[in-house]
């Protein structure tokens, strides 16, 4: 029985890895829906804890802002990595 080699691909093109690759890409993108709310919640919780510990009433706002910025940075990193993997 003869073995047929697959046709050569052009340099710089990726082979389609089937359904599993698509599923993994979709899983990465669904993380976006959870990153920002979780980051804001963690920032708020840490800020509220510091408010109680230091007897202040404004630190939770800094925590919310910090969590928002951290969440957006992580979203941008995830989207950039996803776009790089897709090409």
N, C-alpha and C. Protein backbone atom coordinates (compact mmCIF):
# COMPACT_ATOMS: atom_id res chain seq x y z
N UNK A 1 0.85 -1.17 0.00
CA UNK A 1 0.00 0.00 0.00
C UNK A 1 0.90 1.23 0.00
N UNK A 2 0.60 2.13 -0.88
CA UNK A 2 1.41 3.34 -1.00
C UNK A 2 0.97 4.37 0.03
N UNK A 3 1.93 5.12 0.51
CA UNK A 3 1.64 6.18 1.48
C UNK A 3 1.73 7.51 0.78
N UNK A 4 0.68 8.29 0.85
CA UNK A 4 0.66 9.61 0.21
C UNK A 4 0.98 10.68 1.24
N UNK A 5 2.01 11.43 0.98
CA UNK A 5 2.34 12.55 1.87
C UNK A 5 1.34 13.68 1.66
N UNK A 6 1.02 14.42 2.73
CA UNK A 6 0.12 15.57 2.56
C UNK A 6 0.82 16.65 1.73
N UNK A 7 0.05 17.45 1.03
CA UNK A 7 0.68 18.49 0.21
C UNK A 7 1.42 19.49 1.10
N UNK A 8 2.55 20.00 0.63
CA UNK A 8 3.30 20.96 1.45
C UNK A 8 2.53 22.26 1.62
N UNK A 9 2.72 22.85 2.77
CA UNK A 9 2.05 24.12 3.06
C UNK A 9 2.99 25.27 2.78
N UNK A 10 2.39 26.41 2.52
CA UNK A 10 3.18 27.61 2.31
C UNK A 10 3.80 28.03 3.64
N UNK A 11 5.01 28.56 3.62
CA UNK A 11 5.61 29.02 4.87
C UNK A 11 4.78 30.15 5.48
N UNK A 12 4.65 30.10 6.79
CA UNK A 12 3.91 31.15 7.50
C UNK A 12 2.44 30.86 7.69
N UNK A 13 1.93 29.76 7.11
CA UNK A 13 0.52 29.42 7.33
C UNK A 13 0.44 28.31 8.36
N UNK A 14 -0.59 28.38 9.19
CA UNK A 14 -0.78 27.36 10.21
C UNK A 14 -1.76 26.31 9.70
N UNK A 15 -1.55 25.11 10.15
CA UNK A 15 -2.47 24.03 9.84
C UNK A 15 -3.68 24.12 10.74
N UNK A 16 -4.84 23.84 10.20
CA UNK A 16 -6.06 23.82 11.01
C UNK A 16 -6.02 22.59 11.90
N UNK A 17 -6.08 22.83 13.21
CA UNK A 17 -5.99 21.71 14.15
C UNK A 17 -7.35 21.15 14.51
N UNK A 18 -8.36 21.49 13.79
CA UNK A 18 -9.66 20.89 13.98
C UNK A 18 -10.47 21.55 15.09
N UNK A 19 -11.39 20.78 15.63
CA UNK A 19 -12.31 21.30 16.62
C UNK A 19 -11.68 21.64 17.96
N UNK A 20 -10.64 20.92 18.35
CA UNK A 20 -10.04 21.17 19.66
C UNK A 20 -9.39 22.55 19.71
N UNK A 21 -8.74 22.97 18.67
CA UNK A 21 -8.13 24.30 18.64
C UNK A 21 -9.18 25.39 18.72
N UNK A 22 -10.27 25.20 17.99
CA UNK A 22 -11.37 26.16 18.02
C UNK A 22 -11.98 26.21 19.41
N UNK A 23 -12.14 25.07 20.03
CA UNK A 23 -12.70 25.02 21.38
C UNK A 23 -11.79 25.73 22.38
N UNK A 24 -10.49 25.53 22.26
CA UNK A 24 -9.56 26.20 23.16
C UNK A 24 -9.56 27.70 22.96
N UNK A 25 -9.65 28.15 21.71
CA UNK A 25 -9.73 29.59 21.44
C UNK A 25 -11.01 30.18 22.02
N UNK A 26 -12.11 29.47 21.88
CA UNK A 26 -13.38 29.95 22.42
C UNK A 26 -13.34 30.01 23.95
N UNK A 27 -12.68 29.06 24.57
CA UNK A 27 -12.55 29.06 26.04
C UNK A 27 -11.75 30.26 26.51
N UNK A 28 -10.70 30.60 25.78
CA UNK A 28 -9.91 31.78 26.14
C UNK A 28 -10.75 33.04 26.07
N UNK A 29 -11.57 33.14 25.04
CA UNK A 29 -12.37 34.35 24.87
C UNK A 29 -13.52 34.44 25.87
N UNK A 30 -14.03 33.30 26.35
CA UNK A 30 -15.09 33.37 27.35
C UNK A 30 -14.57 33.85 28.70
N UNK A 31 -13.27 33.77 28.90
CA UNK A 31 -12.69 34.28 30.15
C UNK A 31 -12.89 35.78 30.28
N UNK A 32 -13.02 36.47 29.17
CA UNK A 32 -13.18 37.92 29.19
C UNK A 32 -14.42 38.32 29.99
N UNK A 33 -15.47 37.53 29.90
CA UNK A 33 -16.71 37.85 30.61
C UNK A 33 -16.54 37.79 32.12
N UNK A 34 -15.54 37.07 32.61
CA UNK A 34 -15.37 36.91 34.04
C UNK A 34 -14.23 37.75 34.63
N UNK A 35 -13.29 38.15 33.81
CA UNK A 35 -12.10 38.82 34.32
C UNK A 35 -12.44 40.15 34.98
N UNK A 36 -13.14 41.03 34.29
CA UNK A 36 -13.39 42.37 34.81
C UNK A 36 -14.25 42.35 36.07
N UNK A 37 -15.38 41.65 36.11
CA UNK A 37 -16.16 41.65 37.36
C UNK A 37 -15.41 41.06 38.55
N UNK A 38 -14.64 40.02 38.32
CA UNK A 38 -13.89 39.41 39.42
C UNK A 38 -12.79 40.35 39.91
N UNK A 39 -12.11 41.01 38.98
CA UNK A 39 -11.05 41.95 39.37
C UNK A 39 -11.63 43.12 40.17
N UNK A 40 -12.77 43.64 39.75
CA UNK A 40 -13.40 44.74 40.48
C UNK A 40 -13.85 44.27 41.87
N UNK A 41 -14.42 43.08 41.94
CA UNK A 41 -14.86 42.55 43.24
C UNK A 41 -13.69 42.37 44.20
N UNK A 42 -12.58 41.81 43.69
CA UNK A 42 -11.42 41.61 44.55
C UNK A 42 -10.86 42.95 45.02
N UNK A 43 -10.80 43.93 44.12
CA UNK A 43 -10.34 45.27 44.52
C UNK A 43 -11.24 45.88 45.57
N UNK A 44 -12.56 45.73 45.38
CA UNK A 44 -13.50 46.27 46.36
C UNK A 44 -13.35 45.56 47.71
N UNK A 45 -13.23 44.25 47.69
CA UNK A 45 -13.11 43.48 48.94
C UNK A 45 -11.83 43.85 49.69
N UNK A 46 -10.72 43.96 48.99
CA UNK A 46 -9.48 44.35 49.66
C UNK A 46 -9.56 45.78 50.19
N UNK A 47 -10.17 46.67 49.41
CA UNK A 47 -10.34 48.05 49.86
C UNK A 47 -11.25 48.14 51.07
N UNK A 48 -12.33 47.37 51.08
CA UNK A 48 -13.24 47.37 52.22
C UNK A 48 -12.55 46.80 53.47
N UNK A 49 -11.73 45.78 53.27
CA UNK A 49 -10.97 45.24 54.39
C UNK A 49 -9.99 46.26 54.96
N UNK A 50 -9.32 46.97 54.09
CA UNK A 50 -8.41 48.02 54.56
C UNK A 50 -9.16 49.16 55.23
N UNK A 51 -10.37 49.47 54.73
CA UNK A 51 -11.19 50.49 55.37
C UNK A 51 -11.50 50.12 56.82
N UNK A 52 -11.89 48.88 57.03
CA UNK A 52 -12.20 48.45 58.40
C UNK A 52 -10.96 48.44 59.28
N UNK A 53 -9.86 47.95 58.71
CA UNK A 53 -8.64 47.82 59.49
C UNK A 53 -8.05 49.18 59.86
N UNK A 54 -8.10 50.12 58.93
CA UNK A 54 -7.51 51.44 59.15
C UNK A 54 -8.52 52.49 59.59
N UNK A 55 -9.77 52.09 59.79
CA UNK A 55 -10.85 52.99 60.24
C UNK A 55 -10.99 54.18 59.29
N UNK A 56 -11.08 53.88 58.01
CA UNK A 56 -11.27 54.89 56.97
C UNK A 56 -12.56 54.59 56.23
N UNK A 57 -12.93 55.47 55.31
CA UNK A 57 -14.16 55.26 54.55
C UNK A 57 -13.98 55.53 53.06
N UNK A 58 -12.78 55.59 52.57
CA UNK A 58 -12.55 55.93 51.17
C UNK A 58 -11.66 54.93 50.43
N UNK A 59 -11.02 54.05 51.12
CA UNK A 59 -10.05 53.16 50.48
C UNK A 59 -10.74 52.17 49.53
N UNK A 60 -11.98 51.83 49.79
CA UNK A 60 -12.67 50.89 48.91
C UNK A 60 -12.79 51.45 47.49
N UNK A 61 -12.90 52.78 47.36
CA UNK A 61 -12.96 53.40 46.03
C UNK A 61 -11.65 53.20 45.27
N UNK A 62 -10.54 53.33 45.98
CA UNK A 62 -9.23 53.09 45.36
C UNK A 62 -9.13 51.62 44.94
N UNK A 63 -9.65 50.72 45.77
CA UNK A 63 -9.64 49.30 45.43
C UNK A 63 -10.46 49.00 44.18
N UNK A 64 -11.62 49.65 44.05
CA UNK A 64 -12.46 49.46 42.87
C UNK A 64 -11.75 49.95 41.62
N UNK A 65 -11.14 51.12 41.72
CA UNK A 65 -10.42 51.68 40.57
C UNK A 65 -9.22 50.79 40.20
N UNK A 66 -8.47 50.38 41.22
CA UNK A 66 -7.32 49.51 40.97
C UNK A 66 -7.76 48.19 40.35
N UNK A 67 -8.84 47.61 40.84
CA UNK A 67 -9.35 46.36 40.27
C UNK A 67 -9.81 46.53 38.83
N UNK A 68 -10.44 47.66 38.53
CA UNK A 68 -10.88 47.93 37.16
C UNK A 68 -9.69 48.02 36.21
N UNK A 69 -8.68 48.78 36.62
CA UNK A 69 -7.49 48.94 35.78
C UNK A 69 -6.80 47.59 35.58
N UNK A 70 -6.65 46.82 36.65
CA UNK A 70 -6.01 45.51 36.54
C UNK A 70 -6.82 44.58 35.63
N UNK A 71 -8.14 44.63 35.73
CA UNK A 71 -8.99 43.80 34.88
C UNK A 71 -8.87 44.17 33.42
N UNK A 72 -8.86 45.47 33.11
CA UNK A 72 -8.72 45.89 31.72
C UNK A 72 -7.36 45.50 31.16
N UNK A 73 -6.32 45.64 31.95
CA UNK A 73 -4.98 45.24 31.48
C UNK A 73 -4.96 43.76 31.15
N UNK A 74 -5.56 42.95 32.01
CA UNK A 74 -5.58 41.50 31.76
C UNK A 74 -6.42 41.16 30.53
N UNK A 75 -7.53 41.88 30.33
CA UNK A 75 -8.35 41.65 29.13
C UNK A 75 -7.56 41.98 27.88
N UNK A 76 -6.85 43.11 27.89
CA UNK A 76 -6.05 43.48 26.71
C UNK A 76 -4.98 42.45 26.44
N UNK A 77 -4.34 41.94 27.48
CA UNK A 77 -3.32 40.90 27.29
C UNK A 77 -3.93 39.64 26.70
N UNK A 78 -5.08 39.24 27.20
CA UNK A 78 -5.74 38.03 26.71
C UNK A 78 -6.16 38.17 25.25
N UNK A 79 -6.72 39.31 24.91
CA UNK A 79 -7.16 39.53 23.53
C UNK A 79 -5.95 39.59 22.58
N UNK A 80 -4.88 40.23 23.02
CA UNK A 80 -3.67 40.29 22.18
C UNK A 80 -3.09 38.90 21.97
N UNK A 81 -3.04 38.10 23.02
CA UNK A 81 -2.51 36.73 22.90
C UNK A 81 -3.43 35.88 22.03
N UNK A 82 -4.72 36.08 22.13
CA UNK A 82 -5.67 35.31 21.33
C UNK A 82 -5.53 35.67 19.85
N UNK A 83 -5.35 36.94 19.56
CA UNK A 83 -5.17 37.36 18.18
C UNK A 83 -3.89 36.85 17.60
N UNK A 84 -2.84 36.79 18.41
CA UNK A 84 -1.55 36.29 17.95
C UNK A 84 -1.62 34.80 17.66
N UNK A 85 -2.35 34.04 18.49
CA UNK A 85 -2.49 32.60 18.28
C UNK A 85 -3.31 32.29 17.04
N UNK A 86 -4.27 33.15 16.75
CA UNK A 86 -5.20 32.90 15.66
C UNK A 86 -4.54 33.08 14.29
N UNK A 87 -3.56 33.93 14.19
CA UNK A 87 -2.94 34.22 12.89
C UNK A 87 -1.94 33.19 12.50
